[in-house]
Amino acid sequence: MGGIVHFGRQTVEPAYDRPRPDRLEAGNPLRTTFEHYAQDGISCGIWRCETGRWRIQFAPDKHEFFCVMTGRARLHDANGVVTEVGPGEAAVIPAGFVGQFEVVEPVEKYFVVVETIK
């Protein structure tokens, strides 16, 4: 059994990336991920992103809970429904979600990704 993982007491090397060119719709945002914990199908940490918009498609076994600390993001689903999430708000992107992720104001969020094991 491991100990408690306190994000503020860890030094984590960030991973940097940008949306794939074939998915990019607006901008070319730099995305920075600080993964604080990864084990048994769970990954969590802090994610930062510049403004932009890109298409996303979640795997059928991957769910993400997130809570925005700063900034504002919009999720556009395949039916045109838009969900905006701002500071102090949280949402879940369900497994199999297809749509677009848009960062309206630079975002910093906590994330928890769960991959179900079958």
N, C-alpha and C. Protein backbone atom coordinates (compact mmCIF):
# COMPACT_ATOMS: atom_id res chain seq x y z
N MET A 1 0.85 -1.19 0.00
CA MET A 1 0.00 0.00 0.00
C MET A 1 0.89 1.23 0.00
N GLY A 2 0.59 2.15 -0.89
CA GLY A 2 1.38 3.37 -0.99
C GLY A 2 0.88 4.45 -0.06
N GLY A 3 1.66 5.52 0.00
CA GLY A 3 1.29 6.64 0.84
C GLY A 3 0.45 7.65 0.06
N ILE A 4 -0.01 8.65 0.76
CA ILE A 4 -0.79 9.73 0.17
C ILE A 4 0.07 10.51 -0.82
N VAL A 5 -0.50 10.84 -1.95
CA VAL A 5 0.19 11.64 -2.97
C VAL A 5 -0.33 13.06 -2.86
N HIS A 6 0.50 13.95 -2.34
CA HIS A 6 0.14 15.36 -2.16
C HIS A 6 0.78 16.14 -3.31
N PHE A 7 -0.04 16.68 -4.19
CA PHE A 7 0.48 17.34 -5.39
C PHE A 7 1.46 18.47 -5.05
N GLY A 8 1.17 19.23 -4.00
CA GLY A 8 2.01 20.37 -3.64
C GLY A 8 3.35 19.99 -3.04
N ARG A 9 3.54 18.72 -2.73
CA ARG A 9 4.79 18.27 -2.12
C ARG A 9 5.60 17.41 -3.07
N GLN A 10 5.26 17.45 -4.36
CA GLN A 10 5.99 16.68 -5.35
C GLN A 10 6.64 17.61 -6.36
N THR A 11 7.75 17.18 -6.88
CA THR A 11 8.35 17.85 -8.03
C THR A 11 8.14 16.92 -9.21
N VAL A 12 7.36 17.40 -10.18
CA VAL A 12 6.99 16.59 -11.33
C VAL A 12 7.50 17.28 -12.59
N GLU A 13 8.17 16.51 -13.44
CA GLU A 13 8.63 17.05 -14.72
C GLU A 13 7.43 17.17 -15.65
N PRO A 14 7.23 18.34 -16.25
CA PRO A 14 6.09 18.48 -17.15
C PRO A 14 6.31 17.79 -18.49
N ALA A 15 5.22 17.39 -19.10
CA ALA A 15 5.23 16.89 -20.48
C ALA A 15 4.53 17.94 -21.33
N TYR A 16 5.13 18.26 -22.46
CA TYR A 16 4.58 19.29 -23.35
C TYR A 16 4.12 18.65 -24.65
N ASP A 17 3.00 19.14 -25.16
CA ASP A 17 2.55 18.71 -26.48
C ASP A 17 1.60 19.75 -27.05
N ARG A 18 1.21 19.52 -28.29
CA ARG A 18 0.22 20.36 -28.98
C ARG A 18 -0.74 19.40 -29.67
N PRO A 19 -1.95 19.89 -29.99
CA PRO A 19 -2.88 19.02 -30.71
C PRO A 19 -2.29 18.55 -32.03
N ARG A 20 -2.65 17.34 -32.43
CA ARG A 20 -2.20 16.84 -33.73
C ARG A 20 -2.73 17.75 -34.83
N PRO A 21 -1.93 18.04 -35.84
CA PRO A 21 -2.36 18.94 -36.92
C PRO A 21 -3.68 18.52 -37.58
N ASP A 22 -3.93 17.22 -37.71
CA ASP A 22 -5.16 16.76 -38.35
C ASP A 22 -6.40 16.95 -37.47
N ARG A 23 -6.21 17.30 -36.20
CA ARG A 23 -7.33 17.55 -35.29
C ARG A 23 -7.50 19.02 -34.95
N LEU A 24 -6.54 19.83 -35.29
CA LEU A 24 -6.52 21.25 -34.92
C LEU A 24 -7.58 22.03 -35.69
N GLU A 25 -8.33 22.87 -34.96
CA GLU A 25 -9.36 23.71 -35.59
C GLU A 25 -9.06 25.20 -35.43
N ALA A 26 -8.40 25.59 -34.34
CA ALA A 26 -8.07 27.00 -34.11
C ALA A 26 -6.85 27.09 -33.22
N GLY A 27 -5.94 28.03 -33.54
CA GLY A 27 -4.73 28.20 -32.74
C GLY A 27 -3.80 27.01 -32.89
N ASN A 28 -2.82 26.97 -32.03
CA ASN A 28 -1.90 25.83 -31.92
C ASN A 28 -1.42 25.79 -30.48
N PRO A 29 -2.34 25.53 -29.54
CA PRO A 29 -2.04 25.69 -28.12
C PRO A 29 -1.00 24.72 -27.57
N LEU A 30 -0.13 25.27 -26.74
CA LEU A 30 0.81 24.45 -25.99
C LEU A 30 0.05 23.87 -24.80
N ARG A 31 0.17 22.56 -24.63
CA ARG A 31 -0.47 21.86 -23.51
C ARG A 31 0.63 21.33 -22.61
N THR A 32 0.47 21.57 -21.31
CA THR A 32 1.47 21.15 -20.33
C THR A 32 0.79 20.25 -19.31
N THR A 33 1.33 19.04 -19.15
CA THR A 33 0.75 18.06 -18.24
C THR A 33 1.74 17.73 -17.14
N PHE A 34 1.28 17.85 -15.90
CA PHE A 34 2.04 17.43 -14.73
C PHE A 34 1.32 16.20 -14.16
N GLU A 35 1.78 15.02 -14.49
CA GLU A 35 1.14 13.80 -14.01
C GLU A 35 1.72 13.46 -12.64
N HIS A 36 0.88 13.56 -11.63
CA HIS A 36 1.32 13.33 -10.25
C HIS A 36 1.14 11.89 -9.80
N TYR A 37 0.25 11.17 -10.49
CA TYR A 37 -0.04 9.80 -10.06
C TYR A 37 -0.51 9.01 -11.27
N ALA A 38 0.01 7.81 -11.44
CA ALA A 38 -0.43 6.92 -12.51
C ALA A 38 -0.27 5.48 -12.04
N GLN A 39 -1.40 4.79 -11.87
CA GLN A 39 -1.35 3.40 -11.40
C GLN A 39 -2.72 2.76 -11.60
N ASP A 40 -2.71 1.50 -12.00
CA ASP A 40 -3.94 0.69 -12.09
C ASP A 40 -5.05 1.36 -12.89
N GLY A 41 -4.70 1.96 -14.02
CA GLY A 41 -5.70 2.58 -14.88
C GLY A 41 -6.16 3.96 -14.47
N ILE A 42 -5.48 4.55 -13.49
CA ILE A 42 -5.81 5.90 -13.03
C ILE A 42 -4.61 6.81 -13.27
N SER A 43 -4.88 7.97 -13.85
CA SER A 43 -3.85 9.00 -14.05
C SER A 43 -4.43 10.31 -13.56
N CYS A 44 -3.68 11.05 -12.75
CA CYS A 44 -4.19 12.34 -12.29
C CYS A 44 -3.06 13.33 -12.12
N GLY A 45 -3.43 14.59 -12.18
CA GLY A 45 -2.44 15.64 -12.06
C GLY A 45 -3.03 16.99 -12.40
N ILE A 46 -2.17 17.84 -12.94
CA ILE A 46 -2.53 19.21 -13.31
C ILE A 46 -2.24 19.39 -14.79
N TRP A 47 -3.16 20.04 -15.49
CA TRP A 47 -3.02 20.27 -16.93
C TRP A 47 -3.22 21.75 -17.20
N ARG A 48 -2.36 22.30 -18.03
CA ARG A 48 -2.45 23.71 -18.44
C ARG A 48 -2.51 23.77 -19.95
N CYS A 49 -3.23 24.77 -20.47
CA CYS A 49 -3.33 24.88 -21.92
C CYS A 49 -3.60 26.32 -22.34
N GLU A 50 -2.98 26.69 -23.44
CA GLU A 50 -3.21 27.99 -24.08
C GLU A 50 -4.52 27.92 -24.87
N THR A 51 -4.98 29.07 -25.36
CA THR A 51 -6.23 29.11 -26.12
C THR A 51 -6.11 28.37 -27.45
N GLY A 52 -7.21 27.76 -27.86
CA GLY A 52 -7.27 27.03 -29.11
C GLY A 52 -8.42 26.05 -29.09
N ARG A 53 -8.59 25.34 -30.20
CA ARG A 53 -9.68 24.37 -30.32
C ARG A 53 -9.23 23.20 -31.19
N TRP A 54 -9.58 21.98 -30.75
CA TRP A 54 -9.22 20.78 -31.50
C TRP A 54 -10.27 19.69 -31.29
N ARG A 55 -10.33 18.76 -32.23
CA ARG A 55 -11.26 17.64 -32.14
C ARG A 55 -10.70 16.58 -31.18
N ILE A 56 -11.62 15.98 -30.41
CA ILE A 56 -11.23 14.90 -29.50
C ILE A 56 -12.17 13.71 -29.70
N GLN A 57 -11.63 12.53 -29.40
CA GLN A 57 -12.43 11.31 -29.42
C GLN A 57 -11.87 10.39 -28.34
N PHE A 58 -12.64 10.24 -27.27
CA PHE A 58 -12.19 9.41 -26.15
C PHE A 58 -12.37 7.94 -26.49
N ALA A 59 -11.45 7.15 -26.01
CA ALA A 59 -11.55 5.69 -26.17
C ALA A 59 -12.79 5.20 -25.42
N PRO A 60 -13.34 4.05 -25.81
CA PRO A 60 -14.56 3.54 -25.16
C PRO A 60 -14.36 3.13 -23.70
N ASP A 61 -13.12 3.07 -23.25
CA ASP A 61 -12.86 2.67 -21.86
C ASP A 61 -12.17 3.78 -21.04
N LYS A 62 -12.21 5.03 -21.54
CA LYS A 62 -11.49 6.12 -20.88
C LYS A 62 -12.47 7.24 -20.50
N HIS A 63 -12.50 7.60 -19.21
CA HIS A 63 -13.34 8.67 -18.67
C HIS A 63 -12.41 9.71 -18.03
N GLU A 64 -12.82 10.98 -18.08
CA GLU A 64 -12.02 12.01 -17.41
C GLU A 64 -12.91 12.91 -16.57
N PHE A 65 -12.56 13.03 -15.29
CA PHE A 65 -13.12 14.04 -14.40
C PHE A 65 -12.11 15.17 -14.37
N PHE A 66 -12.59 16.42 -14.42
CA PHE A 66 -11.68 17.55 -14.26
C PHE A 66 -12.35 18.69 -13.52
N CYS A 67 -11.53 19.50 -12.89
CA CYS A 67 -11.99 20.69 -12.17
C CYS A 67 -11.11 21.86 -12.59
N VAL A 68 -11.71 22.88 -13.13
CA VAL A 68 -10.98 24.05 -13.61
C VAL A 68 -10.58 24.93 -12.43
N MET A 69 -9.30 25.25 -12.34
CA MET A 69 -8.82 26.18 -11.32
C MET A 69 -8.84 27.61 -11.84
N THR A 70 -8.32 27.80 -13.07
CA THR A 70 -8.32 29.12 -13.69
C THR A 70 -8.64 28.96 -15.17
N GLY A 71 -9.19 30.00 -15.75
CA GLY A 71 -9.48 29.99 -17.17
C GLY A 71 -10.87 29.47 -17.47
N ARG A 72 -11.09 29.17 -18.76
CA ARG A 72 -12.41 28.74 -19.20
C ARG A 72 -12.27 27.84 -20.42
N ALA A 73 -13.01 26.72 -20.39
CA ALA A 73 -12.99 25.77 -21.50
C ALA A 73 -14.41 25.47 -21.93
N ARG A 74 -14.55 25.09 -23.20
CA ARG A 74 -15.84 24.66 -23.73
C ARG A 74 -15.67 23.29 -24.38
N LEU A 75 -16.63 22.43 -24.11
CA LEU A 75 -16.68 21.12 -24.78
C LEU A 75 -17.88 21.14 -25.71
N HIS A 76 -17.65 20.81 -26.96
CA HIS A 76 -18.70 20.77 -27.98
C HIS A 76 -18.92 19.30 -28.31
N ASP A 77 -20.14 18.80 -28.10
CA ASP A 77 -20.36 17.39 -28.42
C ASP A 77 -20.79 17.23 -29.88
N ALA A 78 -20.89 16.01 -30.33
CA ALA A 78 -21.19 15.71 -31.74
C ALA A 78 -22.58 16.20 -32.15
N ASN A 79 -23.46 16.48 -31.19
CA ASN A 79 -24.81 16.97 -31.48
C ASN A 79 -24.90 18.49 -31.43
N GLY A 80 -23.76 19.16 -31.20
CA GLY A 80 -23.76 20.61 -31.15
C GLY A 80 -24.02 21.21 -29.78
N VAL A 81 -24.17 20.39 -28.75
CA VAL A 81 -24.37 20.90 -27.39
C VAL A 81 -23.02 21.37 -26.85
N VAL A 82 -23.01 22.60 -26.31
CA VAL A 82 -21.78 23.19 -25.78
C VAL A 82 -21.89 23.27 -24.25
N THR A 83 -20.86 22.78 -23.58
CA THR A 83 -20.78 22.85 -22.12
C THR A 83 -19.55 23.69 -21.77
N GLU A 84 -19.77 24.80 -21.06
CA GLU A 84 -18.66 25.66 -20.66
C GLU A 84 -18.33 25.41 -19.20
N VAL A 85 -17.05 25.33 -18.89
CA VAL A 85 -16.59 25.05 -17.53
C VAL A 85 -15.57 26.11 -17.15
N GLY A 86 -15.82 26.80 -16.02
CA GLY A 86 -14.95 27.87 -15.57
C GLY A 86 -14.39 27.60 -14.19
N PRO A 87 -13.73 28.59 -13.60
CA PRO A 87 -13.06 28.42 -12.31
C PRO A 87 -13.99 27.88 -11.22
N GLY A 88 -13.52 26.83 -10.55
CA GLY A 88 -14.27 26.21 -9.48
C GLY A 88 -15.32 25.23 -9.94
N GLU A 89 -15.49 25.08 -11.25
CA GLU A 89 -16.48 24.15 -11.79
C GLU A 89 -15.81 22.86 -12.23
N ALA A 90 -16.59 21.79 -12.24
CA ALA A 90 -16.06 20.47 -12.60
C ALA A 90 -16.99 19.80 -13.60
N ALA A 91 -16.44 18.85 -14.35
CA ALA A 91 -17.22 18.10 -15.33
C ALA A 91 -16.56 16.74 -15.55
N VAL A 92 -17.32 15.87 -16.21
CA VAL A 92 -16.80 14.57 -16.61
C VAL A 92 -16.95 14.44 -18.12
N ILE A 93 -15.88 14.04 -18.78
CA ILE A 93 -15.93 13.67 -20.19
C ILE A 93 -16.08 12.15 -20.20
N PRO A 94 -17.23 11.67 -20.68
CA PRO A 94 -17.47 10.23 -20.60
C PRO A 94 -16.71 9.44 -21.66
N ALA A 95 -16.54 8.18 -21.40
CA ALA A 95 -15.90 7.27 -22.35
C ALA A 95 -16.64 7.35 -23.69
N GLY A 96 -15.88 7.34 -24.78
CA GLY A 96 -16.46 7.36 -26.11
C GLY A 96 -16.88 8.73 -26.60
N PHE A 97 -16.67 9.79 -25.80
CA PHE A 97 -17.06 11.14 -26.19
C PHE A 97 -16.38 11.55 -27.50
N VAL A 98 -17.17 12.14 -28.40
CA VAL A 98 -16.65 12.66 -29.66
C VAL A 98 -17.09 14.12 -29.76
N GLY A 99 -16.15 15.00 -30.04
CA GLY A 99 -16.49 16.42 -30.17
C GLY A 99 -15.24 17.27 -30.28
N GLN A 100 -15.34 18.47 -29.73
CA GLN A 100 -14.21 19.40 -29.74
C GLN A 100 -13.96 19.92 -28.32
N PHE A 101 -12.68 20.17 -28.05
CA PHE A 101 -12.26 20.80 -26.80
C PHE A 101 -11.76 22.18 -27.18
N GLU A 102 -12.33 23.20 -26.55
CA GLU A 102 -11.95 24.58 -26.85
C GLU A 102 -11.51 25.28 -25.57
N VAL A 103 -10.33 25.87 -25.60
CA VAL A 103 -9.85 26.67 -24.48
C VAL A 103 -10.09 28.13 -24.84
N VAL A 104 -11.04 28.75 -24.14
CA VAL A 104 -11.45 30.13 -24.41
C VAL A 104 -10.50 31.11 -23.73
N GLU A 105 -10.12 30.81 -22.49
CA GLU A 105 -9.12 31.56 -21.72
C GLU A 105 -8.11 30.53 -21.23
N PRO A 106 -6.82 30.86 -21.20
CA PRO A 106 -5.83 29.86 -20.76
C PRO A 106 -6.32 29.13 -19.50
N VAL A 107 -6.22 27.81 -19.54
CA VAL A 107 -6.80 26.96 -18.50
C VAL A 107 -5.73 26.27 -17.67
N GLU A 108 -6.03 26.14 -16.40
CA GLU A 108 -5.30 25.24 -15.52
C GLU A 108 -6.36 24.42 -14.80
N LYS A 109 -6.21 23.09 -14.86
CA LYS A 109 -7.23 22.22 -14.26
C LYS A 109 -6.57 21.02 -13.60
N TYR A 110 -7.27 20.49 -12.59
CA TYR A 110 -6.95 19.19 -12.05
C TYR A 110 -7.65 18.17 -12.93
N PHE A 111 -7.02 17.03 -13.17
CA PHE A 111 -7.66 15.99 -13.96
C PHE A 111 -7.48 14.63 -13.30
N VAL A 112 -8.46 13.77 -13.53
CA VAL A 112 -8.39 12.36 -13.14
C VAL A 112 -8.92 11.57 -14.33
N VAL A 113 -8.07 10.77 -14.93
CA VAL A 113 -8.46 9.92 -16.06
C VAL A 113 -8.52 8.49 -15.54
N VAL A 114 -9.63 7.84 -15.82
CA VAL A 114 -9.82 6.45 -15.39
C VAL A 114 -10.05 5.60 -16.63
N GLU A 115 -9.24 4.57 -16.77
CA GLU A 115 -9.43 3.60 -17.84
C GLU A 115 -9.98 2.34 -17.20
N THR A 116 -11.17 1.94 -17.63
CA THR A 116 -11.80 0.77 -17.05
C THR A 116 -11.08 -0.48 -17.55
N ILE A 117 -10.93 -1.42 -16.66
CA ILE A 117 -10.25 -2.67 -16.99
C ILE A 117 -11.31 -3.75 -17.14
N LYS A 118 -11.28 -4.39 -18.28
CA LYS A 118 -12.30 -5.42 -18.54
C LYS A 118 -11.71 -6.79 -18.50
